[in-house]
């Protein structure tokens, strides 16, 4: 759970950078999924979220155990 100002700054900052400078960004541009302006908006949205006092982000994880 990313809800404290420090956690939001770390997570939001990391994703703001990834939106612009990563293999994700390179692939998005190469495939024509979005343009540079869209990636800039995505990056700005991550920074806005990180700066929001009531912002939070939860990434649930699960595991399936199966017997054969």
N, C-alpha and C. Protein backbone atom coordinates (compact mmCIF):
# COMPACT_ATOMS: atom_id res chain seq x y z
N UNK A 1 0.86 -1.17 0.00
CA UNK A 1 0.00 0.00 0.00
C UNK A 1 0.90 1.24 0.00
N UNK A 2 0.69 2.10 -0.95
CA UNK A 2 1.45 3.34 -1.05
C UNK A 2 0.52 4.49 -0.71
N UNK A 3 0.59 4.98 0.53
CA UNK A 3 -0.32 6.03 0.95
C UNK A 3 0.35 7.18 1.68
N UNK A 4 1.54 6.97 2.21
CA UNK A 4 2.22 8.07 2.89
C UNK A 4 2.85 9.00 1.85
N UNK A 5 3.11 10.23 2.23
CA UNK A 5 3.75 11.14 1.28
C UNK A 5 5.07 10.59 0.74
N UNK A 6 5.85 9.94 1.60
CA UNK A 6 7.14 9.39 1.17
C UNK A 6 6.95 8.23 0.19
N UNK A 7 6.01 7.36 0.50
CA UNK A 7 5.76 6.21 -0.39
C UNK A 7 5.20 6.67 -1.73
N UNK A 8 4.28 7.63 -1.69
CA UNK A 8 3.72 8.16 -2.94
C UNK A 8 4.80 8.84 -3.76
N UNK A 9 5.67 9.60 -3.10
CA UNK A 9 6.75 10.29 -3.83
C UNK A 9 7.66 9.28 -4.52
N UNK A 10 7.99 8.19 -3.82
CA UNK A 10 8.87 7.17 -4.40
C UNK A 10 8.17 6.47 -5.56
N UNK A 11 6.97 5.94 -5.32
CA UNK A 11 6.26 5.17 -6.35
C UNK A 11 5.86 6.05 -7.52
N UNK A 12 5.25 7.20 -7.23
CA UNK A 12 4.82 8.11 -8.29
C UNK A 12 5.99 8.65 -9.09
N UNK A 13 7.09 8.97 -8.41
CA UNK A 13 8.27 9.46 -9.11
C UNK A 13 8.88 8.40 -10.01
N UNK A 14 8.91 7.17 -9.51
CA UNK A 14 9.47 6.08 -10.32
C UNK A 14 8.64 5.86 -11.58
N UNK A 15 7.32 5.84 -11.44
CA UNK A 15 6.48 5.61 -12.62
C UNK A 15 6.41 6.82 -13.54
N UNK A 16 6.54 8.01 -12.98
CA UNK A 16 6.60 9.20 -13.83
C UNK A 16 7.83 9.13 -14.74
N UNK A 17 8.95 8.68 -14.19
CA UNK A 17 10.16 8.53 -14.99
C UNK A 17 10.04 7.38 -15.99
N UNK A 18 9.48 6.26 -15.55
CA UNK A 18 9.32 5.11 -16.46
C UNK A 18 8.43 5.45 -17.64
N UNK A 19 7.43 6.29 -17.40
CA UNK A 19 6.53 6.67 -18.48
C UNK A 19 7.27 7.40 -19.60
N UNK A 20 8.41 7.98 -19.27
CA UNK A 20 9.16 8.77 -20.26
C UNK A 20 10.48 8.13 -20.69
N UNK A 21 11.13 7.42 -19.78
CA UNK A 21 12.49 6.95 -20.03
C UNK A 21 12.64 5.48 -19.65
N UNK A 22 12.11 4.60 -20.48
CA UNK A 22 12.20 3.17 -20.19
C UNK A 22 11.89 2.37 -21.46
N UNK A 23 12.07 1.07 -21.37
CA UNK A 23 11.69 0.22 -22.51
C UNK A 23 10.18 0.30 -22.74
N UNK A 24 9.40 0.50 -21.68
CA UNK A 24 7.96 0.71 -21.84
C UNK A 24 7.70 1.89 -22.76
N UNK A 25 8.32 3.03 -22.46
CA UNK A 25 8.13 4.23 -23.28
C UNK A 25 8.61 4.00 -24.70
N UNK A 26 9.77 3.37 -24.84
CA UNK A 26 10.30 3.09 -26.18
C UNK A 26 9.33 2.23 -27.00
N UNK A 27 8.79 1.19 -26.37
CA UNK A 27 7.87 0.30 -27.09
C UNK A 27 6.56 0.99 -27.43
N UNK A 28 6.04 1.79 -26.51
CA UNK A 28 4.80 2.53 -26.77
C UNK A 28 4.97 3.43 -27.99
N UNK A 29 6.08 4.13 -28.04
CA UNK A 29 6.33 5.03 -29.17
C UNK A 29 6.57 4.25 -30.46
N UNK A 30 7.35 3.19 -30.37
CA UNK A 30 7.67 2.39 -31.56
C UNK A 30 6.42 1.75 -32.16
N UNK A 31 5.53 1.27 -31.30
CA UNK A 31 4.32 0.60 -31.77
C UNK A 31 3.20 1.58 -32.13
N UNK A 32 3.38 2.84 -31.82
CA UNK A 32 2.36 3.84 -32.13
C UNK A 32 1.16 3.79 -31.20
N UNK A 33 1.33 3.20 -30.03
CA UNK A 33 0.24 3.11 -29.06
C UNK A 33 -0.10 4.49 -28.51
N UNK A 34 0.92 5.31 -28.33
CA UNK A 34 0.75 6.68 -27.85
C UNK A 34 1.89 7.51 -28.39
N UNK A 35 1.71 8.82 -28.33
CA UNK A 35 2.79 9.71 -28.76
C UNK A 35 3.48 10.30 -27.53
N UNK A 36 4.51 11.09 -27.78
CA UNK A 36 5.30 11.66 -26.68
C UNK A 36 4.43 12.54 -25.77
N UNK A 37 3.49 13.27 -26.36
CA UNK A 37 2.62 14.13 -25.56
C UNK A 37 1.78 13.30 -24.59
N UNK A 38 1.30 12.15 -25.04
CA UNK A 38 0.52 11.28 -24.16
C UNK A 38 1.38 10.76 -23.01
N UNK A 39 2.62 10.38 -23.32
CA UNK A 39 3.52 9.92 -22.26
C UNK A 39 3.82 11.04 -21.27
N UNK A 40 3.93 12.26 -21.75
CA UNK A 40 4.14 13.40 -20.86
C UNK A 40 2.94 13.57 -19.93
N UNK A 41 1.72 13.40 -20.46
CA UNK A 41 0.51 13.50 -19.63
C UNK A 41 0.46 12.38 -18.59
N UNK A 42 0.84 11.18 -18.99
CA UNK A 42 0.87 10.06 -18.06
C UNK A 42 1.87 10.35 -16.94
N UNK A 43 3.04 10.83 -17.30
CA UNK A 43 4.06 11.16 -16.32
C UNK A 43 3.55 12.24 -15.35
N UNK A 44 2.94 13.26 -15.89
CA UNK A 44 2.40 14.34 -15.05
C UNK A 44 1.31 13.82 -14.12
N UNK A 45 0.49 12.90 -14.60
CA UNK A 45 -0.58 12.34 -13.77
C UNK A 45 0.00 11.55 -12.60
N UNK A 46 1.07 10.80 -12.83
CA UNK A 46 1.73 10.09 -11.73
C UNK A 46 2.25 11.10 -10.70
N UNK A 47 2.84 12.20 -11.15
CA UNK A 47 3.35 13.20 -10.21
C UNK A 47 2.21 13.90 -9.47
N UNK A 48 1.11 14.17 -10.16
CA UNK A 48 -0.06 14.76 -9.49
C UNK A 48 -0.59 13.83 -8.41
N UNK A 49 -0.68 12.54 -8.74
CA UNK A 49 -1.14 11.56 -7.76
C UNK A 49 -0.21 11.55 -6.54
N UNK A 50 1.09 11.54 -6.78
CA UNK A 50 2.06 11.50 -5.69
C UNK A 50 1.93 12.72 -4.79
N UNK A 51 1.55 13.85 -5.35
CA UNK A 51 1.41 15.09 -4.58
C UNK A 51 0.07 15.22 -3.88
N UNK A 52 -0.87 14.35 -4.17
CA UNK A 52 -2.21 14.42 -3.61
C UNK A 52 -2.22 13.92 -2.17
N UNK A 53 -2.74 14.73 -1.25
CA UNK A 53 -2.78 14.34 0.16
C UNK A 53 -3.63 13.10 0.42
N UNK A 54 -4.65 12.88 -0.40
CA UNK A 54 -5.51 11.72 -0.18
C UNK A 54 -5.23 10.59 -1.18
N UNK A 55 -4.11 10.66 -1.87
CA UNK A 55 -3.76 9.62 -2.83
C UNK A 55 -3.30 8.33 -2.16
N UNK A 56 -3.66 7.22 -2.76
CA UNK A 56 -3.18 5.92 -2.31
C UNK A 56 -3.19 4.97 -3.49
N UNK A 57 -2.40 3.93 -3.40
CA UNK A 57 -2.28 2.95 -4.47
C UNK A 57 -2.08 1.59 -3.83
N UNK A 58 -2.90 0.64 -4.22
CA UNK A 58 -2.82 -0.72 -3.68
C UNK A 58 -2.64 -1.68 -4.84
N UNK A 59 -1.67 -2.55 -4.70
CA UNK A 59 -1.43 -3.55 -5.73
C UNK A 59 -1.53 -4.93 -5.07
N UNK A 60 -2.73 -5.53 -5.11
CA UNK A 60 -2.87 -6.84 -4.47
C UNK A 60 -2.14 -7.93 -5.26
N UNK A 61 -1.66 -8.90 -4.54
CA UNK A 61 -0.98 -10.04 -5.14
C UNK A 61 -1.66 -11.30 -4.63
N UNK A 62 -1.68 -12.31 -5.45
CA UNK A 62 -2.27 -13.58 -5.04
C UNK A 62 -1.41 -14.74 -5.49
N UNK A 63 -1.77 -15.89 -5.00
CA UNK A 63 -1.04 -17.10 -5.33
C UNK A 63 -2.04 -18.25 -5.41
N UNK A 64 -1.88 -19.08 -6.39
CA UNK A 64 -2.74 -20.25 -6.54
C UNK A 64 -1.88 -21.49 -6.29
N UNK A 65 -2.34 -22.31 -5.40
CA UNK A 65 -1.67 -23.58 -5.12
C UNK A 65 -2.54 -24.70 -5.69
N UNK A 66 -1.95 -25.56 -6.47
CA UNK A 66 -2.72 -26.65 -7.08
C UNK A 66 -2.04 -27.97 -6.79
N UNK A 67 -2.86 -28.97 -6.62
CA UNK A 67 -2.35 -30.33 -6.43
C UNK A 67 -2.69 -31.15 -7.65
N UNK A 68 -1.77 -31.98 -8.04
CA UNK A 68 -2.01 -32.80 -9.22
C UNK A 68 -2.19 -34.26 -8.88
